[in-house]
N, C-alpha and C. Protein backbone atom coordinates (compact mmCIF):
# COMPACT_ATOMS: atom_id res chain seq x y z
N MET A 1 -19.73 252.67 93.56
CA MET A 1 -20.59 251.86 92.73
C MET A 1 -19.94 250.52 92.38
N ALA A 2 -18.63 250.44 92.33
CA ALA A 2 -17.96 249.22 91.96
C ALA A 2 -18.08 248.17 93.07
N ASN A 3 -18.29 248.59 94.32
CA ASN A 3 -18.39 247.66 95.44
C ASN A 3 -19.81 247.15 95.67
N GLU A 4 -20.79 247.65 94.94
CA GLU A 4 -22.16 247.19 95.11
C GLU A 4 -22.32 245.78 94.57
N ARG A 5 -23.02 244.97 95.34
CA ARG A 5 -23.24 243.59 94.94
C ARG A 5 -24.70 243.39 94.57
N THR A 6 -24.91 242.55 93.62
CA THR A 6 -26.27 242.22 93.23
C THR A 6 -26.76 241.06 94.08
N LYS A 7 -28.03 240.74 93.95
CA LYS A 7 -28.64 239.70 94.78
C LYS A 7 -28.03 238.32 94.53
N GLY A 8 -27.73 237.97 93.32
CA GLY A 8 -27.19 236.66 92.99
C GLY A 8 -25.67 236.63 92.94
N ASP A 9 -25.01 237.61 93.57
CA ASP A 9 -23.56 237.71 93.54
C ASP A 9 -22.92 236.52 94.27
N PRO A 10 -21.97 235.83 93.65
CA PRO A 10 -21.33 234.69 94.32
C PRO A 10 -20.56 235.07 95.57
N LEU A 11 -20.01 236.29 95.60
CA LEU A 11 -19.28 236.72 96.79
C LEU A 11 -20.23 236.89 97.97
N ASP A 12 -21.43 237.38 97.70
CA ASP A 12 -22.44 237.53 98.75
C ASP A 12 -22.83 236.16 99.31
N ASP A 13 -23.01 235.19 98.42
CA ASP A 13 -23.34 233.84 98.85
C ASP A 13 -22.21 233.25 99.69
N MET A 14 -20.98 233.49 99.28
CA MET A 14 -19.85 232.95 100.03
C MET A 14 -19.74 233.60 101.41
N GLU A 15 -20.00 234.89 101.46
CA GLU A 15 -19.97 235.60 102.74
C GLU A 15 -21.06 235.05 103.67
N LYS A 16 -22.25 234.85 103.14
CA LYS A 16 -23.34 234.27 103.92
C LYS A 16 -22.99 232.88 104.39
N TYR A 17 -22.38 232.10 103.51
CA TYR A 17 -22.06 230.71 103.82
C TYR A 17 -21.13 230.63 105.04
N PHE A 18 -20.13 231.51 105.08
CA PHE A 18 -19.17 231.45 106.18
C PHE A 18 -19.62 232.19 107.42
N SER A 19 -20.59 233.08 107.31
CA SER A 19 -21.01 233.84 108.48
C SER A 19 -22.32 233.34 109.10
N ASP A 20 -23.15 232.66 108.33
CA ASP A 20 -24.46 232.24 108.82
C ASP A 20 -24.54 230.71 108.85
N PRO A 21 -24.50 230.08 110.06
CA PRO A 21 -24.53 228.62 110.14
C PRO A 21 -25.83 228.02 109.60
N GLU A 22 -26.96 228.71 109.77
CA GLU A 22 -28.23 228.19 109.28
C GLU A 22 -28.23 228.14 107.74
N TYR A 23 -27.71 229.18 107.12
CA TYR A 23 -27.61 229.21 105.66
C TYR A 23 -26.71 228.06 105.18
N ARG A 24 -25.62 227.84 105.88
CA ARG A 24 -24.69 226.76 105.53
C ARG A 24 -25.37 225.40 105.66
N ARG A 25 -26.16 225.22 106.71
CA ARG A 25 -26.86 223.96 106.93
C ARG A 25 -27.89 223.70 105.81
N ARG A 26 -28.61 224.76 105.44
CA ARG A 26 -29.59 224.62 104.36
C ARG A 26 -28.91 224.28 103.04
N ARG A 27 -27.81 224.92 102.74
CA ARG A 27 -27.10 224.67 101.48
C ARG A 27 -26.54 223.25 101.44
N SER A 28 -25.96 222.79 102.54
CA SER A 28 -25.37 221.45 102.53
C SER A 28 -26.44 220.37 102.51
N SER A 29 -27.60 220.61 103.14
CA SER A 29 -28.65 219.59 103.12
C SER A 29 -29.24 219.45 101.72
N ARG A 30 -29.27 220.52 100.95
CA ARG A 30 -29.75 220.44 99.57
C ARG A 30 -28.82 219.58 98.74
N LYS A 31 -27.54 219.75 98.95
CA LYS A 31 -26.58 218.96 98.19
C LYS A 31 -26.70 217.48 98.56
N LYS A 32 -26.87 217.20 99.85
CA LYS A 32 -27.01 215.82 100.28
C LYS A 32 -28.27 215.20 99.70
N MET A 33 -29.36 215.94 99.69
CA MET A 33 -30.60 215.40 99.14
C MET A 33 -30.45 215.15 97.65
N SER A 34 -29.78 216.02 96.95
CA SER A 34 -29.63 215.80 95.52
C SER A 34 -28.72 214.60 95.27
N LYS A 35 -27.72 214.40 96.11
CA LYS A 35 -26.86 213.22 95.98
C LYS A 35 -27.65 211.96 96.28
N LYS A 36 -28.50 212.03 97.31
CA LYS A 36 -29.34 210.88 97.64
C LYS A 36 -30.29 210.55 96.50
N ALA A 37 -30.92 211.58 95.98
CA ALA A 37 -31.87 211.38 94.88
C ALA A 37 -31.15 210.81 93.66
N THR A 38 -29.95 211.26 93.40
CA THR A 38 -29.18 210.75 92.27
C THR A 38 -28.85 209.28 92.49
N ARG A 39 -28.42 208.94 93.68
CA ARG A 39 -28.08 207.54 93.99
C ARG A 39 -29.31 206.64 93.87
N ILE A 40 -30.43 207.11 94.39
CA ILE A 40 -31.67 206.32 94.31
C ILE A 40 -32.08 206.14 92.85
N ALA A 41 -31.95 207.19 92.06
CA ALA A 41 -32.30 207.10 90.64
C ALA A 41 -31.39 206.11 89.92
N ILE A 42 -30.10 206.15 90.21
CA ILE A 42 -29.17 205.23 89.57
C ILE A 42 -29.48 203.79 89.96
N VAL A 43 -29.72 203.56 91.25
CA VAL A 43 -30.06 202.21 91.71
C VAL A 43 -31.36 201.74 91.05
N GLY A 44 -32.33 202.62 90.94
CA GLY A 44 -33.60 202.28 90.31
C GLY A 44 -33.43 201.93 88.84
N ILE A 45 -32.61 202.69 88.14
CA ILE A 45 -32.38 202.42 86.72
C ILE A 45 -31.66 201.10 86.53
N VAL A 46 -30.66 200.84 87.37
CA VAL A 46 -29.93 199.57 87.29
C VAL A 46 -30.87 198.41 87.59
N PHE A 47 -31.74 198.56 88.59
CA PHE A 47 -32.69 197.52 88.95
C PHE A 47 -33.66 197.25 87.79
N LEU A 48 -34.20 198.31 87.20
CA LEU A 48 -35.12 198.14 86.07
C LEU A 48 -34.44 197.50 84.87
N ALA A 49 -33.18 197.86 84.64
CA ALA A 49 -32.44 197.25 83.53
C ALA A 49 -32.23 195.76 83.80
N ALA A 50 -31.90 195.41 85.04
CA ALA A 50 -31.70 193.99 85.39
C ALA A 50 -33.00 193.21 85.23
N VAL A 51 -34.10 193.78 85.67
CA VAL A 51 -35.40 193.11 85.52
C VAL A 51 -35.74 192.96 84.04
N GLY A 52 -35.45 193.96 83.24
CA GLY A 52 -35.71 193.88 81.80
C GLY A 52 -34.88 192.81 81.12
N VAL A 53 -33.61 192.71 81.49
CA VAL A 53 -32.75 191.68 80.91
C VAL A 53 -33.24 190.30 81.31
N TYR A 54 -33.62 190.14 82.57
CA TYR A 54 -34.11 188.85 83.05
C TYR A 54 -35.43 188.47 82.36
N ALA A 55 -36.33 189.43 82.20
CA ALA A 55 -37.60 189.16 81.51
C ALA A 55 -37.33 188.78 80.06
N GLY A 56 -36.41 189.46 79.41
CA GLY A 56 -36.05 189.11 78.04
C GLY A 56 -35.49 187.70 77.95
N TYR A 57 -34.69 187.33 78.93
CA TYR A 57 -34.14 185.97 78.97
C TYR A 57 -35.25 184.94 79.14
N LEU A 58 -36.21 185.21 80.03
CA LEU A 58 -37.31 184.28 80.24
C LEU A 58 -38.19 184.14 79.01
N PHE A 59 -38.54 185.26 78.39
CA PHE A 59 -39.43 185.24 77.23
C PHE A 59 -38.76 184.66 75.99
N SER A 60 -37.44 184.71 75.92
CA SER A 60 -36.76 184.17 74.74
C SER A 60 -36.82 182.65 74.70
N GLY A 61 -37.02 182.01 75.84
CA GLY A 61 -37.08 180.56 75.89
C GLY A 61 -38.47 179.99 75.67
N LEU A 62 -39.47 180.82 75.53
CA LEU A 62 -40.84 180.34 75.35
C LEU A 62 -41.09 179.95 73.88
N PRO A 63 -41.94 178.97 73.65
CA PRO A 63 -42.25 178.60 72.27
C PRO A 63 -43.15 179.65 71.63
N SER A 64 -43.19 179.62 70.30
CA SER A 64 -44.02 180.59 69.58
C SER A 64 -45.50 180.23 69.75
N LEU A 65 -46.38 181.18 69.47
CA LEU A 65 -47.82 180.94 69.57
C LEU A 65 -48.27 179.89 68.54
N GLU A 66 -47.67 179.89 67.36
CA GLU A 66 -48.04 178.90 66.35
C GLU A 66 -47.72 177.49 66.84
N ARG A 67 -46.59 177.34 67.49
CA ARG A 67 -46.22 176.02 67.99
C ARG A 67 -47.14 175.58 69.14
N ILE A 68 -47.61 176.52 69.91
CA ILE A 68 -48.53 176.18 71.01
C ILE A 68 -49.90 175.81 70.44
N GLU A 69 -50.36 176.54 69.44
CA GLU A 69 -51.68 176.28 68.86
C GLU A 69 -51.71 174.99 68.04
N ASN A 70 -50.61 174.64 67.38
CA ASN A 70 -50.54 173.45 66.54
C ASN A 70 -49.39 172.55 67.00
N PRO A 71 -49.58 171.87 68.11
CA PRO A 71 -48.48 171.04 68.60
C PRO A 71 -48.28 169.80 67.74
N ARG A 72 -47.06 169.37 67.64
CA ARG A 72 -46.73 168.13 66.94
C ARG A 72 -46.47 167.09 68.02
N PRO A 73 -47.33 166.12 68.11
CA PRO A 73 -47.13 165.11 69.16
C PRO A 73 -45.88 164.28 68.88
N GLU A 74 -45.04 164.18 69.88
CA GLU A 74 -43.81 163.42 69.72
C GLU A 74 -43.99 161.99 70.23
N LEU A 75 -45.06 161.70 70.93
CA LEU A 75 -45.33 160.37 71.44
C LEU A 75 -46.25 159.63 70.49
N ALA A 76 -46.23 158.34 70.55
CA ALA A 76 -47.13 157.55 69.71
C ALA A 76 -48.57 157.79 70.14
N THR A 77 -49.46 157.85 69.15
CA THR A 77 -50.86 158.12 69.47
C THR A 77 -51.74 156.89 69.30
N ARG A 78 -51.14 155.77 68.93
CA ARG A 78 -51.94 154.55 68.77
C ARG A 78 -52.00 153.81 70.10
N VAL A 79 -53.15 153.27 70.36
CA VAL A 79 -53.36 152.50 71.58
C VAL A 79 -53.57 151.04 71.20
N PHE A 80 -52.82 150.16 71.79
CA PHE A 80 -52.96 148.73 71.55
C PHE A 80 -53.68 148.08 72.73
N SER A 81 -54.60 147.18 72.43
CA SER A 81 -55.29 146.48 73.49
C SER A 81 -55.16 144.96 73.28
N ILE A 82 -55.54 144.18 74.26
CA ILE A 82 -55.40 142.75 74.20
C ILE A 82 -56.36 142.15 73.17
N ASP A 83 -57.54 142.73 73.03
CA ASP A 83 -58.52 142.15 72.11
C ASP A 83 -58.34 142.61 70.66
N GLY A 84 -57.24 143.34 70.36
CA GLY A 84 -56.91 143.65 68.98
C GLY A 84 -57.34 145.02 68.62
């Protein structure tokens, strides 16, 4: 009874890994896919953070809505003509 292994026994998995090439291929491809997915997720997060920082930089330089609605003219508004 002490030598009986259960279905999720790590020794059984290790025995399968070294004796069955197909099982080994399936296990290693899962790890590669999870590494790929992790890398893609990290690159995506970094990209979104960079876009967010850039958008924040662009929007910080814009004037307020009050200033756009009520502009203060900095140029002279009087027009002079020859006839006075």
